[in-house]
Each structure stands twice: as structure tokens, then as C-alpha cells.
């Protein structure tokens, strides 16, 4: 089923510019220093345009052979802009006085790491001797999870946690929940994606052997599914904490708006002075 590859390509085209723009905008604000190497940022932009638009054509697609081959080569070349992004983040945050502490900066850093790991898996799946074992397995789901939640969602979580207190005019009611949400997201993403990546490779190797029954292949991946389920539960717990924090801020904000409106409505009308 090529659907996971199609979803991955769609998320690649939509999520990458948004999250990179968020990271390049918020990182200098969080660390208090300018973004290092604007020329490297332009290099990332143009290489993503060059290689990213070709990614996503599966090796077994019913297309001319040169198109899947070019797509696999583009997938491997995606390592170049991903490495440039990691280098920019390291150079920008190195020596900064601002501590991570589980705040928005941590979300941005983890998003960059998840991007690098996702692109490494993407590049590995572009190798012919690898994709023969990873196509049509849970390896693609692991790659997609790292991209969508590890990079896209975590980066935007950090952006929301930075923007919301400044828009509302007060700090988040549960600051510790931000750190707990971060660690739930980190552990949950890794616990969901990495076991599925390993299980996907094992699944592909067993599927390539015609002597192994399909039911045995399914049973061999059950442990990886259980670990992935634990990761999903941690992600769910973190998202519930995020929902609580956002809901608490909205309730507090609208209560303040209502109090201000009630104060204006109940204020005594000004009386005009009568001159004798």
C-alpha cells in the first residue's frame, strides 16, 4: 500500500517550510542571539526545493524506472539540508546563556533532532538493498511518526508555549506541565517510532522469505506493537497536558475580559458640573 509514502510526501511538502520558519524565527528569540549563517539558511531553502519535490515515489510504482530511481536519489540527498539545519541550530544555541529546562527551546531542539533522524530513515529507505525490506512494512509508519509528531508537532508546541503567554498577558497556569509534556512527547515519540522501525525491518526480512508463514511474521512484530502502544499512551498524556494548559489560559483570559466588561458596565456615569 503506497498510502504511507503519499502521506509522508504530503507532510514533507507542507510541514517542513512551516516548522523551519518557526525554528529559524523563535530560536534567536529564545537564546538571545542572532541566527548563525544566513547564507546557510538560504542553502537549506534551495536544496529543499531541489530535492524535496522529488521525494515520495515508491520503488515499485508503475512509472518509468528513472522516476523512482531519481526519487530515491533525492531522498538520500535530503541528508544535506537536514545536516545544514542541525549545524545551524547547534551554532545558534551553542554557548547561549538561556537554559533549556523543558521549555520552548527544548521543543525546538528536539524537533531538529527528530528531523535529522527522520531524514536518515528516509535516506536509508532510498537505498535499493534496503527498501526491498522496508517497503510495505511498519518502517514507513515509524518514519512518518518521527516527521509528523517528532518534528512538526513538537516544533509547533514550542511555538505555542512561547506565543500564548505573551498574547494573553500572563504566564501559563501550570508551568511544570510544560516540562512534563515535553518529556512525554520525547519518550513517547521515540518509544513509538524506533520499535516500529526495527520491527518493520524484521517484518520485511521475514516477508522476503517464502518459507515463513504470514501468521509467523505477524506474531514476530507483536512486541514492537506493544512498545509502540506505550509510546502512543505517553503522547496522549502529553497532549492532554497541552490541552489543559491551553484551556486554562483561555478560561483565565476570557474571565479577565468579562471582569473588565462588567467593571465598565457597572461604573458610575460621569456627572456634568452645573455652573451657577
Protein backbone atom coordinates (compact mmCIF):
# COMPACT_ATOMS: atom_id res chain seq x y z
CA UNK A 1 0.00 0.00 0.00
CA UNK A 2 1.71 3.25 -1.10
CA UNK A 3 -0.53 5.40 1.14
CA UNK A 4 2.07 5.91 3.91
CA UNK A 5 4.56 7.16 1.31
CA UNK A 6 1.97 9.54 -0.12
CA UNK A 7 1.12 10.87 3.34
CA UNK A 8 4.82 11.26 4.09
CA UNK A 9 5.33 13.23 0.88
CA UNK A 10 2.35 15.48 1.65
CA UNK A 11 3.61 16.16 5.17
CA UNK A 12 7.11 16.77 3.79
CA UNK A 13 5.89 19.48 1.43
CA UNK A 14 3.50 21.11 3.94
CA UNK A 15 5.19 20.76 7.32
CA UNK A 16 8.84 21.40 6.52
CA UNK A 17 8.61 25.08 5.46
CA UNK A 18 6.28 25.91 8.36
CA UNK A 19 8.42 24.26 11.02
CA UNK A 20 11.73 25.51 9.65
CA UNK A 21 10.33 29.04 9.54
CA UNK A 22 9.16 28.66 13.16
CA UNK A 23 12.53 27.30 14.28
CA UNK A 24 14.54 29.97 12.48
CA UNK A 25 12.29 32.70 13.92
CA UNK A 26 11.98 31.54 17.53
CA UNK A 27 15.46 30.14 18.16
CA UNK A 28 17.17 33.57 18.09
CA UNK A 29 14.48 34.96 20.39
CA UNK A 30 14.81 32.07 22.85
CA UNK A 31 18.61 32.13 23.06
CA UNK A 32 19.02 35.90 22.74
CA UNK A 33 21.44 35.84 19.82
CA UNK A 34 21.03 36.10 16.03
CA UNK A 35 20.60 33.09 13.80
CA UNK A 36 24.00 31.91 12.68
CA UNK A 37 24.83 31.94 8.96
CA UNK A 38 22.04 33.41 6.89
CA UNK A 39 23.84 32.01 3.84
CA UNK A 40 23.43 28.52 5.26
CA UNK A 41 19.71 29.21 5.70
CA UNK A 42 19.47 30.13 2.00
CA UNK A 43 21.38 26.95 1.16
CA UNK A 44 18.83 24.92 3.16
CA UNK A 45 15.97 26.65 1.36
CA UNK A 46 17.24 25.99 -2.16
CA UNK A 47 18.38 22.43 -1.51
CA UNK A 48 14.97 21.61 -0.05
CA UNK A 49 13.32 22.97 -3.18
CA UNK A 50 15.72 20.97 -5.33
CA UNK A 51 15.49 17.61 -3.57
CA UNK A 52 12.27 17.70 -1.54
CA UNK A 53 9.93 17.93 -4.52
CA UNK A 54 11.14 14.56 -5.86
CA UNK A 55 10.78 12.56 -2.66
CA UNK A 56 7.97 10.06 -2.25
CA UNK A 57 7.83 7.91 -5.38
CA UNK A 58 7.98 4.27 -4.22
CA UNK A 59 10.39 1.88 -5.88
CA UNK A 60 7.55 -0.36 -7.05
CA UNK A 61 5.44 2.40 -8.61
CA UNK A 62 4.03 1.74 -12.07
CA UNK A 63 6.07 4.53 -13.61
CA UNK A 64 9.14 4.73 -15.83
CA UNK A 65 12.11 3.29 -13.95
CA UNK A 66 14.02 6.56 -13.96
CA UNK A 67 11.39 8.31 -11.82
CA UNK A 68 11.57 6.03 -8.73
CA UNK A 69 15.36 5.96 -9.11
CA UNK A 70 15.54 9.75 -9.15
CA UNK A 71 13.18 9.88 -6.18
CA UNK A 72 15.41 7.53 -4.19
CA UNK A 73 18.46 9.63 -5.05
CA UNK A 74 16.62 12.78 -3.92
CA UNK A 75 15.68 11.03 -0.66
CA UNK A 76 19.35 10.28 0.02
CA UNK A 77 20.35 13.85 -0.87
CA UNK A 78 17.87 15.17 1.72
CA UNK A 79 20.59 14.41 4.25
CA UNK A 80 22.42 17.54 3.04
CA UNK A 81 19.80 20.18 4.02
CA UNK A 82 18.95 18.25 7.19
CA UNK A 83 22.61 18.31 8.26
CA UNK A 84 22.73 22.04 7.46
CA UNK A 85 19.69 22.67 9.68
CA UNK A 86 21.26 20.74 12.56
CA UNK A 87 24.51 22.69 12.11
CA UNK A 88 22.65 26.00 12.22
CA UNK A 89 20.77 25.05 15.38
CA UNK A 90 23.95 23.87 17.10
CA UNK A 91 25.84 27.03 16.15
CA UNK A 92 22.97 29.28 17.24
CA UNK A 93 22.36 27.62 20.62
CA UNK A 94 25.99 26.84 21.49
CA UNK A 95 27.21 28.98 24.37
CA UNK A 96 23.80 30.55 24.91
CA UNK A 97 23.01 31.65 28.46
CA UNK A 98 19.38 30.52 28.23
CA UNK A 99 18.87 27.07 29.74
CA UNK A 100 16.59 24.56 28.09
CA UNK A 101 14.67 23.46 31.19
CA UNK A 102 11.89 21.70 29.30
CA UNK A 103 10.61 24.97 27.83
CA UNK A 104 10.03 26.07 24.22
CA UNK A 105 13.75 25.88 23.45
CA UNK A 106 13.75 22.17 24.27
CA UNK A 107 10.86 21.61 21.89
CA UNK A 108 12.74 23.33 19.08
CA UNK A 109 15.91 21.33 19.72
CA UNK A 110 14.09 18.02 19.84
CA UNK A 111 12.20 18.91 16.66
CA UNK A 112 15.52 19.42 14.90
CA UNK A 113 16.82 16.09 16.18
CA UNK A 114 13.65 14.32 15.06
CA UNK A 115 14.01 15.94 11.64
CA UNK A 116 17.57 14.63 11.31
CA UNK A 117 16.58 11.11 12.41
CA UNK A 118 13.57 11.08 10.09
CA UNK A 119 15.67 12.15 7.13
CA UNK A 120 18.25 9.45 7.94
CA UNK A 121 15.48 6.85 7.82
CA UNK A 122 14.23 8.40 4.59
CA UNK A 123 17.71 8.24 3.07
CA UNK A 124 18.15 4.64 4.20
CA UNK A 125 14.86 3.64 2.59
CA UNK A 126 16.11 5.16 -0.67
CA UNK A 127 18.86 2.54 -0.95
CA UNK A 128 17.76 -0.34 -3.22
CA UNK A 129 19.13 -3.08 -0.96
CA UNK A 130 17.28 -1.51 1.99
CA UNK A 131 13.91 -0.59 0.50
CA UNK A 132 13.37 -4.16 -0.66
CA UNK A 133 12.97 -4.97 3.04
CA UNK A 134 11.36 -1.75 4.26
CA UNK A 135 8.69 -1.11 1.61
CA UNK A 136 5.15 -2.12 2.62
CA UNK A 137 6.17 -2.53 6.29
CA UNK A 138 5.84 -0.56 9.52
CA UNK A 139 9.14 1.16 8.75
CA UNK A 140 7.24 3.82 6.81
CA UNK A 141 4.90 4.41 9.75
CA UNK A 142 7.90 4.96 12.05
CA UNK A 143 9.38 7.43 9.59
CA UNK A 144 6.07 9.27 9.34
CA UNK A 145 5.68 9.43 13.14
CA UNK A 146 9.12 10.96 13.58
CA UNK A 147 8.30 13.54 10.96
CA UNK A 148 4.75 14.47 11.90
CA UNK A 149 4.91 14.36 15.70
CA UNK A 150 8.64 14.49 16.47
CA UNK A 151 9.35 17.40 14.14
CA UNK A 152 6.10 19.11 13.13
CA UNK A 153 4.04 18.83 16.32
CA UNK A 154 6.87 19.34 18.83
CA UNK A 155 8.14 22.42 16.99
CA UNK A 156 4.68 23.96 16.94
CA UNK A 157 4.11 23.06 20.60
CA UNK A 158 7.22 25.08 21.43
CA UNK A 159 5.96 27.99 19.32
CA UNK A 160 2.56 27.95 21.06
CA UNK A 161 4.15 27.83 24.51
CA UNK A 162 6.24 30.87 23.56
CA UNK A 163 3.47 32.90 21.92
CA UNK A 164 0.48 32.21 24.16
CA UNK A 165 1.71 33.83 27.43
CA UNK A 166 2.73 36.95 25.51
CA UNK A 167 -0.62 37.22 23.75
CA UNK A 168 -2.67 36.52 26.89
CA UNK A 169 -0.57 38.79 29.09
CA UNK A 170 0.21 36.29 31.87
CA UNK A 171 2.21 33.11 32.41
CA UNK A 172 0.88 29.61 31.88
CA UNK A 173 -1.08 28.36 34.92
CA UNK A 174 0.78 25.01 35.02
CA UNK A 175 4.40 25.70 34.10
CA UNK A 176 5.51 22.27 35.30
CA UNK A 177 3.04 20.66 32.89
CA UNK A 178 5.08 22.13 30.01
CA UNK A 179 8.15 20.16 31.11
CA UNK A 180 6.10 17.01 31.71
CA UNK A 181 4.52 17.40 28.29
CA UNK A 182 7.98 17.72 26.73
CA UNK A 183 9.29 14.52 28.26
CA UNK A 184 6.08 12.66 27.46
CA UNK A 185 6.44 13.78 23.86
CA UNK A 186 10.12 12.86 23.63
CA UNK A 187 9.86 9.45 25.25
CA UNK A 188 6.53 8.69 23.56
CA UNK A 189 7.79 9.59 20.08
CA UNK A 190 10.97 7.55 20.42
CA UNK A 191 9.15 4.65 22.05
CA UNK A 192 6.63 4.62 19.22
CA UNK A 193 8.89 5.25 16.21
CA UNK A 194 12.07 3.31 16.96
CA UNK A 195 10.43 -0.06 17.81
CA UNK A 196 8.28 0.19 14.69
CA UNK A 197 11.35 0.96 12.59
CA UNK A 198 13.15 -2.10 13.95
CA UNK A 199 10.01 -4.20 13.70
CA UNK A 200 9.46 -3.02 10.14
CA UNK A 201 12.91 -4.19 9.08
CA UNK A 202 12.35 -7.54 10.79
CA UNK A 203 8.95 -7.77 9.15
CA UNK A 204 10.45 -7.09 5.72
CA UNK A 205 13.18 -9.68 6.15
CA UNK A 206 10.66 -12.32 7.14
CA UNK A 207 8.27 -11.38 4.33
CA UNK A 208 11.10 -11.82 1.83
CA UNK A 209 11.46 -15.45 2.94
CA UNK A 210 8.69 -17.53 1.28
CA UNK A 211 9.21 -20.35 3.78
CA UNK A 212 7.93 -18.25 6.70
CA UNK A 213 4.12 -18.19 7.05
CA UNK A 214 2.48 -14.77 7.19
CA UNK A 215 0.99 -15.51 10.63
CA UNK A 216 4.51 -16.06 12.00
CA UNK A 217 5.57 -12.72 10.55
CA UNK A 218 2.67 -11.03 12.31
CA UNK A 219 3.45 -12.70 15.64
CA UNK A 220 7.11 -11.65 15.40
CA UNK A 221 6.12 -7.96 15.39
CA UNK A 222 3.70 -8.06 18.33
CA UNK A 223 6.31 -6.97 20.88
CA UNK A 224 7.16 -3.90 18.78
CA UNK A 225 3.46 -3.04 18.60
CA UNK A 226 3.19 -3.24 22.39
CA UNK A 227 6.12 -0.86 22.81
CA UNK A 228 4.58 1.44 20.22
CA UNK A 229 1.29 1.43 22.13
CA UNK A 230 3.11 2.56 25.26
CA UNK A 231 4.62 5.40 23.25
CA UNK A 232 1.19 6.42 21.97
CA UNK A 233 -0.17 6.50 25.51
CA UNK A 234 2.66 8.81 26.58
CA UNK A 235 1.95 11.05 23.59
CA UNK A 236 -1.73 11.10 24.56
CA UNK A 237 -0.84 12.06 28.14
CA UNK A 238 1.35 14.90 26.91
CA UNK A 239 -1.36 16.16 24.58
CA UNK A 240 -3.86 16.17 27.42
CA UNK A 241 -1.46 18.32 29.46
CA UNK A 242 -1.15 20.66 26.49
CA UNK A 243 -4.95 20.84 26.24
CA UNK A 244 -5.22 21.58 29.97
CA UNK A 245 -2.68 24.41 29.76
CA UNK A 246 -4.30 25.97 26.70
CA UNK A 247 -7.79 25.62 28.17
CA UNK A 248 -6.68 27.16 31.48
CA UNK A 249 -5.13 30.13 29.68
CA UNK A 250 -8.25 30.68 27.58
CA UNK A 251 -10.53 30.46 30.63
CA UNK A 252 -8.36 32.89 32.59
CA UNK A 253 -8.14 35.28 29.65
CA UNK A 254 -11.88 35.40 29.00
CA UNK A 255 -12.60 35.73 32.71
CA UNK A 256 -10.37 38.80 32.76
CA UNK A 257 -12.17 40.16 29.69
CA UNK A 258 -15.56 39.57 31.33
CA UNK A 259 -14.47 41.24 34.56
CA UNK A 260 -13.23 44.26 32.62
CA UNK A 261 -16.50 44.44 30.68
CA UNK A 262 -18.56 44.13 33.89
CA UNK A 263 -16.48 46.84 35.53
CA UNK A 264 -17.13 49.17 32.59
CA UNK A 265 -20.87 48.43 32.64
CA UNK A 266 -21.27 48.96 36.38
CA UNK A 267 -19.06 52.02 36.59
CA UNK A 268 -20.96 55.18 37.63
CA UNK A 269 -21.72 57.56 34.85
CA UNK A 270 -19.77 60.81 34.95
CA UNK A 271 -21.87 63.75 36.10
CA UNK A 272 -21.58 67.09 34.41
CA UNK A 273 -20.77 70.04 36.63
CA UNK A 274 -23.53 72.65 36.75
CA UNK A 275 -22.18 76.14 36.61
CA UNK A 276 -24.01 78.68 38.73
